[in-house]
Amino acid sequence: MQPEPDASYAAAFAPALLDPVGEIPSIVTGPCGKSAVKCYNVHRNNVTVSLIDALASIYPAVQRLTGADFFRAMARIHVRKTPPASPLLFDYGRDFPAFIESYEHAQSLPWLADVARIERAWLDAYHAADSAPLLPSSLARVAPDRLAGLVFTVHPATRVVRSPYAAVSIFAANRGGSESAGTIDASVPEDALITRPDVEIVVQLLPPGGAVFLTCLMSGSMLAEAAAAALEDAPDFDLATNIAGLFEAGAFASLSSGDAR
């Protein structure tokens, strides 16, 4: 039985895996000390392909928008610049949206990075901890004079993605939808709510001021404070509409009085 490789072997073996022209580590040898260049190059190629495949599975809407060839070429560059920091493949590619934003050949698609951010949030919501969503009836039990001081704890899966583009509509049209992205006015700003109250992921468009409102609640602001910030951001912010929509989506997990802070 071959002995398990130690940490020093792994540290020497790994760095050149994502560098197609990098020198093969001297520690890598075949049987009887023979060269293992061909075997190492096969492994090197398999690692790169596996990481590209992982990105394709995390960002299917991005791949649909760019086409498979463009996506894989872009992903290959990202993979070579950004090795995994975790053994879990679903955790890879967190900085891929930022890479897309700076990628020279994607500049004609300025909304693409935000679509990728929604896809990343979708996956994070999928893997978030389970929690029963807060029911609207819990709000009805609060005395009217205590409403302003309420503090909400959001569901573990709840995420917000803001975009100066129609990223939510473009995402929806390219995650199994039949609508053509060409019919969408990409210049219209859209903010996304992503959560998972049960088994299904919810991705929906937030109304005016909704992103600021929810972001403030997520940071621990009281209801009145969050509403004031939302009104400053969007004068047509409607508190009742936003609260109702967030409850319906299952965005909250619990509530408490701000007096307890």
C-alpha atoms as a PDB file:
ATOM      1  CA  MET A   1       0.000   0.000   0.000  1.00  0.00           C
ATOM      2  CA  GLN A   2       1.320   3.418  -0.957  1.00  0.00           C
ATOM      3  CA  PRO A   3       1.824   5.794   1.991  1.00  0.00           C
ATOM      4  CA  GLU A   4      -0.484   8.799   2.198  1.00  0.00           C
ATOM      5  CA  PRO A   5       1.198  11.973   0.869  1.00  0.00           C
ATOM      6  CA  ASP A   6       2.024  14.436   3.630  1.00  0.00           C
ATOM      7  CA  ALA A   7       1.205  18.153   3.715  1.00  0.00           C
ATOM      8  CA  SER A   8       4.580  19.148   2.296  1.00  0.00           C
ATOM      9  CA  TYR A   9       4.005  16.949  -0.747  1.00  0.00           C
ATOM     10  CA  ALA A  10       0.568  18.489  -1.329  1.00  0.00           C
ATOM     11  CA  ALA A  11       2.003  21.990  -0.940  1.00  0.00           C
ATOM     12  CA  ALA A  12       4.601  21.249  -3.608  1.00  0.00           C
ATOM     13  CA  PHE A  13       2.202  19.365  -5.893  1.00  0.00           C
ATOM     14  CA  ALA A  14      -0.679  21.850  -6.045  1.00  0.00           C
ATOM     15  CA  PRO A  15       0.639  25.300  -7.076  1.00  0.00           C
ATOM     16  CA  ALA A  16       1.421  24.414 -10.700  1.00  0.00           C
ATOM     17  CA  LEU A  17      -1.920  22.705 -11.325  1.00  0.00           C
ATOM     18  CA  LEU A  18      -3.587  25.875 -12.589  1.00  0.00           C
ATOM     19  CA  ASP A  19      -0.566  27.136 -14.538  1.00  0.00           C
ATOM     20  CA  PRO A  20      -0.519  25.479 -17.980  1.00  0.00           C
ATOM     21  CA  VAL A  21       3.087  26.471 -18.643  1.00  0.00           C
ATOM     22  CA  GLY A  22       4.358  26.162 -15.094  1.00  0.00           C
ATOM     23  CA  GLU A  23       7.255  23.867 -14.342  1.00  0.00           C
ATOM     24  CA  ILE A  24       6.288  20.411 -13.106  1.00  0.00           C
ATOM     25  CA  PRO A  25       7.223  20.160  -9.406  1.00  0.00           C
ATOM     26  CA  SER A  26      10.407  18.146  -8.964  1.00  0.00           C
ATOM     27  CA  ILE A  27       8.736  16.162  -6.202  1.00  0.00           C
ATOM     28  CA  VAL A  28       6.364  14.609  -8.754  1.00  0.00           C
ATOM     29  CA  THR A  29       7.795  11.386 -10.153  1.00  0.00           C
ATOM     30  CA  GLY A  30       6.475   8.195 -11.665  1.00  0.00           C
ATOM     31  CA  PRO A  31       7.365   4.585 -10.881  1.00  0.00           C
ATOM     32  CA  CYS A  32      11.071   3.979 -10.237  1.00  0.00           C
ATOM     33  CA  GLY A  33      11.676   7.737 -10.222  1.00  0.00           C
ATOM     34  CA  LYS A  34      10.727   8.205 -13.865  1.00  0.00           C
ATOM     35  CA  SER A  35       9.286  11.459 -15.175  1.00  0.00           C
ATOM     36  CA  ALA A  36       5.571  11.992 -14.630  1.00  0.00           C
ATOM     37  CA  VAL A  37       5.110  15.028 -16.875  1.00  0.00           C
ATOM     38  CA  LYS A  38       2.350  13.478 -19.004  1.00  0.00           C
ATOM     39  CA  CYS A  39       0.426  12.226 -15.974  1.00  0.00           C
ATOM     40  CA  TYR A  40       0.744  15.564 -14.224  1.00  0.00           C
ATOM     41  CA  ASN A  41      -0.495  17.427 -17.306  1.00  0.00           C
ATOM     42  CA  VAL A  42      -3.548  15.151 -17.499  1.00  0.00           C
ATOM     43  CA  HIS A  43      -4.290  15.871 -13.861  1.00  0.00           C
ATOM     44  CA  ARG A  44      -3.681  19.573 -14.427  1.00  0.00           C
ATOM     45  CA  ASN A  45      -6.184  19.624 -17.292  1.00  0.00           C
ATOM     46  CA  ASN A  46      -8.764  17.668 -15.262  1.00  0.00           C
ATOM     47  CA  VAL A  47      -8.540  20.122 -12.377  1.00  0.00           C
ATOM     48  CA  THR A  48      -9.081  23.103 -14.664  1.00  0.00           C
ATOM     49  CA  VAL A  49     -12.007  21.471 -16.467  1.00  0.00           C
ATOM     50  CA  SER A  50     -13.610  20.474 -13.153  1.00  0.00           C
ATOM     51  CA  LEU A  51     -13.444  24.052 -11.862  1.00  0.00           C
ATOM     52  CA  ILE A  52     -14.855  25.436 -15.120  1.00  0.00           C
ATOM     53  CA  ASP A  53     -17.673  22.899 -14.889  1.00  0.00           C
ATOM     54  CA  ALA A  54     -18.309  23.995 -11.307  1.00  0.00           C
ATOM     55  CA  LEU A  55     -18.626  27.627 -12.418  1.00  0.00           C
ATOM     56  CA  ALA A  56     -20.971  26.597 -15.230  1.00  0.00           C
ATOM     57  CA  SER A  57     -23.223  24.809 -12.751  1.00  0.00           C
ATOM     58  CA  ILE A  58     -23.235  27.811 -10.384  1.00  0.00           C
ATOM     59  CA  TYR A  59     -23.799  30.411 -13.114  1.00  0.00           C
ATOM     60  CA  PRO A  60     -26.073  28.780 -15.737  1.00  0.00           C
ATOM     61  CA  ALA A  61     -27.821  32.047 -16.663  1.00  0.00           C
ATOM     62  CA  VAL A  62     -24.479  33.732 -17.278  1.00  0.00           C
ATOM     63  CA  GLN A  63     -23.433  30.850 -19.520  1.00  0.00           C
ATOM     64  CA  ARG A  64     -26.728  31.005 -21.412  1.00  0.00           C
ATOM     65  CA  LEU A  65     -26.288  34.742 -21.945  1.00  0.00           C
ATOM     66  CA  THR A  66     -22.710  34.520 -23.209  1.00  0.00           C
ATOM     67  CA  GLY A  67     -22.799  31.144 -24.909  1.00  0.00           C
ATOM     68  CA  ALA A  68     -20.831  28.118 -23.732  1.00  0.00           C
ATOM     69  CA  ASP A  69     -17.625  28.862 -25.640  1.00  0.00           C
ATOM     70  CA  PHE A  70     -17.364  32.460 -24.386  1.00  0.00           C
ATOM     71  CA  PHE A  71     -18.248  31.388 -20.841  1.00  0.00           C
ATOM     72  CA  ARG A  72     -15.677  28.609 -20.699  1.00  0.00           C
ATOM     73  CA  ALA A  73     -12.936  30.837 -22.108  1.00  0.00           C
ATOM     74  CA  MET A  74     -13.770  33.500 -19.517  1.00  0.00           C
ATOM     75  CA  ALA A  75     -14.023  30.920 -16.734  1.00  0.00           C
ATOM     76  CA  ARG A  76     -10.674  29.381 -17.693  1.00  0.00           C
ATOM     77  CA  ILE A  77      -8.924  32.725 -17.184  1.00  0.00           C
ATOM     78  CA  HIS A  78     -10.641  33.156 -13.828  1.00  0.00           C
ATOM     79  CA  VAL A  79      -9.721  29.645 -12.719  1.00  0.00           C
ATOM     80  CA  ARG A  80      -6.051  30.176 -13.500  1.00  0.00           C
ATOM     81  CA  LYS A  81      -6.022  33.429 -11.544  1.00  0.00           C
ATOM     82  CA  THR A  82      -8.123  32.235  -8.608  1.00  0.00           C
ATOM     83  CA  PRO A  83      -7.440  28.798  -7.096  1.00  0.00           C
ATOM     84  CA  PRO A  84     -10.052  27.284  -4.763  1.00  0.00           C
ATOM     85  CA  ALA A  85      -9.858  28.230  -1.092  1.00  0.00           C
ATOM     86  CA  SER A  86     -12.205  25.443  -0.006  1.00  0.00           C
ATOM     87  CA  PRO A  87     -12.545  21.739  -0.869  1.00  0.00           C
ATOM     88  CA  LEU A  88     -16.276  22.312  -1.428  1.00  0.00           C
ATOM     89  CA  LEU A  89     -16.922  23.005  -5.116  1.00  0.00           C
ATOM     90  CA  PHE A  90     -20.214  24.837  -4.463  1.00  0.00           C
ATOM     91  CA  ASP A  91     -18.197  27.362  -2.445  1.00  0.00           C
ATOM     92  CA  TYR A  92     -15.945  28.136  -5.415  1.00  0.00           C
ATOM     93  CA  GLY A  93     -16.414  31.181  -7.609  1.00  0.00           C
ATOM     94  CA  ARG A  94     -17.576  33.763  -5.066  1.00  0.00           C
ATOM     95  CA  ASP A  95     -15.412  36.380  -6.729  1.00  0.00           C
ATOM     96  CA  PHE A  96     -16.455  35.375 -10.261  1.00  0.00           C
ATOM     97  CA  PRO A  97     -19.032  38.229 -10.517  1.00  0.00           C
ATOM     98  CA  ALA A  98     -16.313  40.786  -9.712  1.00  0.00           C
ATOM     99  CA  PHE A  99     -14.057  39.137 -12.295  1.00  0.00           C
ATOM    100  CA  ILE A 100     -16.825  39.390 -14.905  1.00  0.00           C
ATOM    101  CA  GLU A 101     -17.240  43.072 -14.078  1.00  0.00           C
ATOM    102  CA  SER A 102     -13.586  43.719 -14.902  1.00  0.00           C
ATOM    103  CA  TYR A 103     -13.276  41.238 -17.784  1.00  0.00           C
ATOM    104  CA  GLU A 104     -12.405  43.159 -20.931  1.00  0.00           C
ATOM    105  CA  HIS A 105     -14.479  41.064 -23.321  1.00  0.00           C
ATOM    106  CA  ALA A 106     -17.652  41.274 -21.192  1.00  0.00           C
ATOM    107  CA  GLN A 107     -17.868  45.062 -21.152  1.00  0.00           C
ATOM    108  CA  SER A 108     -20.600  45.042 -23.801  1.00  0.00           C
ATOM    109  CA  LEU A 109     -22.779  43.213 -21.259  1.00  0.00           C
ATOM    110  CA  PRO A 110     -22.580  45.598 -18.268  1.00  0.00           C
ATOM    111  CA  TRP A 111     -25.424  43.816 -16.440  1.00  0.00           C
ATOM    112  CA  LEU A 112     -23.769  40.390 -16.626  1.00  0.00           C
ATOM    113  CA  ALA A 113     -21.898  40.703 -13.320  1.00  0.00           C
ATOM    114  CA  ASP A 114     -25.094  41.539 -11.432  1.00  0.00           C
ATOM    115  CA  VAL A 115     -26.877  38.555 -12.975  1.00  0.00           C
ATOM    116  CA  ALA A 116     -23.962  36.496 -11.662  1.00  0.00           C
ATOM    117  CA  ARG A 117     -24.390  38.071  -8.212  1.00  0.00           C
ATOM    118  CA  ILE A 118     -28.024  36.972  -8.174  1.00  0.00           C
ATOM    119  CA  GLU A 119     -26.973  33.448  -9.175  1.00  0.00           C
ATOM    120  CA  ARG A 120     -24.386  33.378  -6.379  1.00  0.00           C
ATOM    121  CA  ALA A 121     -27.014  34.575  -3.899  1.00  0.00           C
ATOM    122  CA  TRP A 122     -29.380  31.879  -5.223  1.00  0.00           C
ATOM    123  CA  LEU A 123     -26.847  29.163  -4.414  1.00  0.00           C
ATOM    124  CA  ASP A 124     -26.046  30.642  -1.003  1.00  0.00           C
ATOM    125  CA  ALA A 125     -29.769  30.750  -0.201  1.00  0.00           C
ATOM    126  CA  TYR A 126     -30.041  27.106  -1.260  1.00  0.00           C
ATOM    127  CA  HIS A 127     -27.318  26.095   1.203  1.00  0.00           C
ATOM    128  CA  ALA A 128     -28.429  28.413   4.027  1.00  0.00           C
ATOM    129  CA  ALA A 129     -29.696  27.018   7.326  1.00  0.00           C
ATOM    130  CA  ASP A 130     -33.324  25.947   7.498  1.00  0.00           C
ATOM    131  CA  SER A 131     -35.671  28.125   9.515  1.00  0.00           C
ATOM    132  CA  ALA A 132     -39.424  28.504   9.755  1.00  0.00           C
ATOM    133  CA  PRO A 133     -40.480  31.818   8.184  1.00  0.00           C
ATOM    134  CA  LEU A 134     -42.145  34.411  10.380  1.00  0.00           C
ATOM    135  CA  LEU A 135     -45.903  34.504   9.860  1.00  0.00           C
ATOM    136  CA  PRO A 136     -47.804  37.768   9.248  1.00  0.00           C
ATOM    137  CA  SER A 137     -49.983  36.998  12.267  1.00  0.00           C
ATOM    138  CA  SER A 138     -46.987  37.707  14.515  1.00  0.00           C
ATOM    139  CA  LEU A 139     -47.131  41.361  13.444  1.00  0.00           C
ATOM    140  CA  ALA A 140     -50.858  41.580  14.150  1.00  0.00           C
ATOM    141  CA  ARG A 141     -50.195  40.695  17.785  1.00  0.00           C
ATOM    142  CA  VAL A 142     -47.960  43.754  18.305  1.00  0.00           C
ATOM    143  CA  ALA A 143     -49.581  46.833  19.853  1.00  0.00           C
ATOM    144  CA  PRO A 144     -49.728  49.757  17.371  1.00  0.00           C
ATOM    145  CA  ASP A 145     -47.586  51.984  19.592  1.00  0.00           C
ATOM    146  CA  ARG A 146     -44.818  49.331  19.568  1.00  0.00           C
ATOM    147  CA  LEU A 147     -44.598  48.820  15.806  1.00  0.00           C
ATOM    148  CA  ALA A 148     -42.036  51.564  15.149  1.00  0.00           C
ATOM    149  CA  GLY A 149     -39.549  49.957  17.534  1.00  0.00           C
ATOM    150  CA  LEU A 150     -39.700  46.454  16.101  1.00  0.00           C
ATOM    151  CA  VAL A 151     -36.466  44.754  15.111  1.00  0.00           C
ATOM    152  CA  PHE A 152     -36.658  41.926  12.548  1.00  0.00           C
ATOM    153  CA  THR A 153     -34.324  38.958  12.251  1.00  0.00           C
ATOM    154  CA  VAL A 154     -34.229  37.902   8.628  1.00  0.00           C
ATOM    155  CA  HIS A 155     -34.371  34.307   7.460  1.00  0.00           C
ATOM    156  CA  PRO A 156     -30.852  32.786   7.128  1.00  0.00           C
ATOM    157  CA  ALA A 157     -31.379  32.456   3.361  1.00  0.00           C
ATOM    158  CA  THR A 158     -32.387  36.086   2.782  1.00  0.00           C
ATOM    159  CA  ARG A 159     -30.128  38.068   0.447  1.00  0.00           C
ATOM    160  CA  VAL A 160     -30.399  41.413  -1.389  1.00  0.00           C
ATOM    161  CA  VAL A 161     -28.715  42.212  -4.704  1.00  0.00           C
ATOM    162  CA  ARG A 162     -28.950  45.772  -6.031  1.00  0.00           C
ATOM    163  CA  SER A 163     -28.277  46.617  -9.661  1.00  0.00           C
ATOM    164  CA  PRO A 164     -28.363  49.723 -11.873  1.00  0.00           C
ATOM    165  CA  TYR A 165     -29.557  47.347 -14.611  1.00  0.00           C
ATOM    166  CA  ALA A 166     -32.553  45.048 -15.122  1.00  0.00           C
ATOM    167  CA  ALA A 167     -30.595  42.157 -13.634  1.00  0.00           C
ATOM    168  CA  VAL A 168     -33.630  40.504 -12.030  1.00  0.00           C
ATOM    169  CA  SER A 169     -35.571  40.356 -15.301  1.00  0.00           C
ATOM    170  CA  ILE A 170     -32.524  39.159 -17.231  1.00  0.00           C
ATOM    171  CA  PHE A 171     -31.845  36.493 -14.592  1.00  0.00           C
ATOM    172  CA  ALA A 172     -35.447  35.285 -14.697  1.00  0.00           C
ATOM    173  CA  ALA A 173     -35.431  35.109 -18.493  1.00  0.00           C
ATOM    174  CA  ASN A 174     -32.304  32.971 -18.510  1.00  0.00           C
ATOM    175  CA  ARG A 175     -32.891  30.482 -15.709  1.00  0.00           C
ATOM    176  CA  GLY A 176     -35.213  28.237 -17.658  1.00  0.00           C
ATOM    177  CA  GLY A 177     -37.578  30.994 -18.762  1.00  0.00           C
ATOM    178  CA  SER A 178     -38.752  31.387 -22.347  1.00  0.00           C
ATOM    179  CA  GLU A 179     -38.668  35.178 -22.448  1.00  0.00           C
ATOM    180  CA  SER A 180     -35.979  36.684 -24.616  1.00  0.00           C
ATOM    181  CA  ALA A 181     -33.530  38.999 -22.877  1.00  0.00           C
ATOM    182  CA  GLY A 182     -33.758  41.178 -25.985  1.00  0.00           C
ATOM    183  CA  THR A 183     -37.268  42.283 -24.960  1.00  0.00           C
ATOM    184  CA  ILE A 184     -36.004  43.671 -21.637  1.00  0.00           C
ATOM    185  CA  ASP A 185     -34.920  47.272 -21.179  1.00  0.00           C
ATOM    186  CA  ALA A 186     -31.617  46.505 -19.484  1.00  0.00           C
ATOM    187  CA  SER A 187     -31.116  50.137 -18.420  1.00  0.00           C
ATOM    188  CA  VAL A 188     -33.932  50.019 -15.838  1.00  0.00           C
ATOM    189  CA  PRO A 189     -32.480  49.568 -12.304  1.00  0.00           C
ATOM    190  CA  GLU A 190     -33.739  46.523 -10.423  1.00  0.00           C
ATOM    191  CA  ASP A 191     -33.130  45.150  -6.935  1.00  0.00           C
ATOM    192  CA  ALA A 192     -33.543  41.485  -6.074  1.00  0.00           C
ATOM    193  CA  LEU A 193     -34.758  39.678  -2.969  1.00  0.00           C
ATOM    194  CA  ILE A 194     -33.465  36.115  -2.744  1.00  0.00           C
ATOM    195  CA  THR A 195     -34.594  33.769   0.023  1.00  0.00           C
ATOM    196  CA  ARG A 196     -35.724  30.204   0.746  1.00  0.00           C
ATOM    197  CA  PRO A 197     -38.574  29.971   3.257  1.00  0.00           C
ATOM    198  CA  ASP A 198     -39.139  26.291   2.476  1.00  0.00           C
ATOM    199  CA  VAL A 199     -37.652  24.107  -0.273  1.00  0.00           C
ATOM    200  CA  GLU A 200     -38.067  26.518  -3.178  1.00  0.00           C
ATOM    201  CA  ILE A 201     -35.769  29.481  -3.776  1.00  0.00           C
ATOM    202  CA  VAL A 202     -37.609  32.798  -4.099  1.00  0.00           C
ATOM    203  CA  VAL A 203     -36.135  35.448  -6.398  1.00  0.00           C
ATOM    204  CA  GLN A 204     -38.309  38.497  -6.797  1.00  0.00           C
ATOM    205  CA  LEU A 205     -38.129  42.140  -7.733  1.00  0.00           C
ATOM    206  CA  LEU A 206     -38.178  44.529  -4.789  1.00  0.00           C
ATOM    207  CA  PRO A 207     -40.444  47.606  -5.046  1.00  0.00           C
ATOM    208  CA  PRO A 208     -39.056  51.175  -4.794  1.00  0.00           C
ATOM    209  CA  GLY A 209     -37.073  51.641  -1.598  1.00  0.00           C
ATOM    210  CA  GLY A 210     -37.390  47.946  -0.790  1.00  0.00           C
ATOM    211  CA  ALA A 211     -33.689  47.147  -0.994  1.00  0.00           C
ATOM    212  CA  VAL A 212     -32.724  49.968   1.369  1.00  0.00           C
ATOM    213  CA  PHE A 213     -35.564  49.045   3.717  1.00  0.00           C
ATOM    214  CA  LEU A 214     -34.617  45.370   3.897  1.00  0.00           C
ATOM    215  CA  THR A 215     -30.883  46.074   4.094  1.00  0.00           C
ATOM    216  CA  CYS A 216     -31.485  48.344   7.080  1.00  0.00           C
ATOM    217  CA  LEU A 217     -33.597  45.677   8.771  1.00  0.00           C
ATOM    218  CA  MET A 218     -30.876  43.110   8.085  1.00  0.00           C
ATOM    219  CA  SER A 219     -28.350  45.361   9.846  1.00  0.00           C
ATOM    220  CA  GLY A 220     -30.546  45.602  12.966  1.00  0.00           C
ATOM    221  CA  SER A 221     -32.348  48.904  12.395  1.00  0.00           C
ATOM    222  CA  MET A 222     -35.759  49.340  13.960  1.00  0.00           C
ATOM    223  CA  LEU A 223     -38.782  49.403  11.681  1.00  0.00           C
ATOM    224  CA  ALA A 224     -39.188  53.189  11.845  1.00  0.00           C
ATOM    225  CA  GLU A 225     -35.480  53.751  11.116  1.00  0.00           C
ATOM    226  CA  ALA A 226     -35.543  51.405   8.120  1.00  0.00           C
ATOM    227  CA  ALA A 227     -38.704  53.019   6.748  1.00  0.00           C
ATOM    228  CA  ALA A 228     -37.182  56.511   7.066  1.00  0.00           C
ATOM    229  CA  ALA A 229     -34.067  55.411   5.170  1.00  0.00           C
ATOM    230  CA  ALA A 230     -36.225  53.815   2.452  1.00  0.00           C
ATOM    231  CA  LEU A 231     -38.294  57.002   2.077  1.00  0.00           C
ATOM    232  CA  GLU A 232     -35.124  59.031   1.670  1.00  0.00           C
ATOM    233  CA  ASP A 233     -33.969  56.643  -1.053  1.00  0.00           C
ATOM    234  CA  ALA A 234     -37.368  56.430  -2.798  1.00  0.00           C
ATOM    235  CA  PRO A 235     -40.057  59.049  -2.035  1.00  0.00           C
ATOM    236  CA  ASP A 236     -42.737  56.646  -3.327  1.00  0.00           C
ATOM    237  CA  PHE A 237     -41.734  53.931  -0.840  1.00  0.00           C
ATOM    238  CA  ASP A 238     -44.832  52.188   0.516  1.00  0.00           C
ATOM    239  CA  LEU A 239     -44.301  50.589   3.918  1.00  0.00           C
ATOM    240  CA  ALA A 240     -47.404  48.388   3.854  1.00  0.00           C
ATOM    241  CA  THR A 241     -46.613  47.017   0.381  1.00  0.00           C
ATOM    242  CA  ASN A 242     -43.022  46.256   1.301  1.00  0.00           C
ATOM    243  CA  ILE A 243     -43.820  44.607   4.625  1.00  0.00           C
ATOM    244  CA  ALA A 244     -46.537  42.474   3.035  1.00  0.00           C
ATOM    245  CA  GLY A 245     -44.237  41.403   0.200  1.00  0.00           C
ATOM    246  CA  LEU A 246     -41.408  40.452   2.552  1.00  0.00           C
ATOM    247  CA  PHE A 247     -43.723  38.391   4.741  1.00  0.00           C
ATOM    248  CA  GLU A 248     -45.194  36.677   1.682  1.00  0.00           C
ATOM    249  CA  ALA A 249     -41.701  35.798   0.442  1.00  0.00           C
ATOM    250  CA  GLY A 250     -40.736  34.387   3.841  1.00  0.00           C
ATOM    251  CA  ALA A 251     -37.884  36.843   4.309  1.00  0.00           C
ATOM    252  CA  PHE A 252     -38.141  37.053   8.116  1.00  0.00           C
ATOM    253  CA  ALA A 253     -37.430  34.550  10.865  1.00  0.00           C
ATOM    254  CA  SER A 254     -38.412  36.436  14.026  1.00  0.00           C
ATOM    255  CA  LEU A 255     -39.071  39.856  15.500  1.00  0.00           C
ATOM    256  CA  SER A 256     -38.406  41.559  18.813  1.00  0.00           C
ATOM    257  CA  SER A 257     -38.685  44.958  20.435  1.00  0.00           C
ATOM    258  CA  GLY A 258     -35.905  47.448  19.840  1.00  0.00           C
ATOM    259  CA  ASP A 259     -36.205  48.429  23.504  1.00  0.00           C
ATOM    260  CA  ALA A 260     -34.293  45.256  24.329  1.00  0.00           C
ATOM    261  CA  ARG A 261     -31.159  46.467  22.533  1.00  0.00           C
END
